[in-house]
């Protein structure tokens, strides 16, 4: 019982680490897209204002 409980615990920790890594990757993607959008908005504003 203790061994299977420990294995389950280890599996949950592994899953948590994987989800945390996915979250960090998504955060990086979101930051990159946000930066790209800001750049595009700035360029469009500059074009509009001549």
Protein backbone atom coordinates (compact mmCIF):
# COMPACT_ATOMS: atom_id res chain seq x y z
CA UNK A 1 0.00 0.00 0.00
CA UNK A 2 2.73 2.44 0.94
CA UNK A 3 4.72 1.58 -2.18
CA UNK A 4 1.75 2.18 -4.50
CA UNK A 5 0.95 5.38 -2.63
CA UNK A 6 4.51 6.60 -3.09
CA UNK A 7 4.38 5.67 -6.78
CA UNK A 8 1.12 7.59 -7.17
CA UNK A 9 2.66 10.55 -5.37
CA UNK A 10 5.71 10.45 -7.65
CA UNK A 11 3.46 10.23 -10.72
CA UNK A 12 1.49 13.26 -9.55
CA UNK A 13 4.69 15.22 -8.97
CA UNK A 14 5.84 14.30 -12.48
CA UNK A 15 2.53 15.45 -13.93
CA UNK A 16 2.69 18.68 -11.95
CA UNK A 17 6.18 19.39 -13.27
CA UNK A 18 5.00 18.76 -16.83
CA UNK A 19 2.00 21.07 -16.41
CA UNK A 20 4.22 23.72 -14.84
CA UNK A 21 6.60 23.50 -17.80
CA UNK A 22 3.70 23.80 -20.24
CA UNK A 23 2.50 26.85 -18.33
CA UNK A 24 5.92 28.48 -18.57
CA UNK A 25 6.05 27.82 -22.32
CA UNK A 26 2.57 29.29 -22.81
CA UNK A 27 3.60 32.34 -20.76
CA UNK A 28 6.65 32.82 -22.98
CA UNK A 29 4.49 32.54 -26.11
CA UNK A 30 2.00 35.03 -24.71
CA UNK A 31 4.77 37.50 -23.86
CA UNK A 32 6.24 37.15 -27.34
CA UNK A 33 2.85 37.71 -28.97
CA UNK A 34 2.17 40.69 -26.71
CA UNK A 35 5.51 42.24 -27.65
CA UNK A 36 4.84 41.60 -31.33
CA UNK A 37 1.38 43.17 -31.05
CA UNK A 38 2.80 46.24 -29.30
CA UNK A 39 5.37 46.64 -32.07
CA UNK A 40 2.69 46.32 -34.74
CA UNK A 41 0.46 48.85 -32.99
CA UNK A 42 3.37 51.30 -32.70
CA UNK A 43 4.27 50.88 -36.38
CA UNK A 44 0.64 51.34 -37.44
CA UNK A 45 0.34 54.46 -35.30
CA UNK A 46 3.52 55.90 -36.81
CA UNK A 47 2.24 55.19 -40.32
CA UNK A 48 -1.11 56.79 -39.52
CA UNK A 49 0.50 59.87 -38.01
CA UNK A 50 3.02 60.22 -40.82
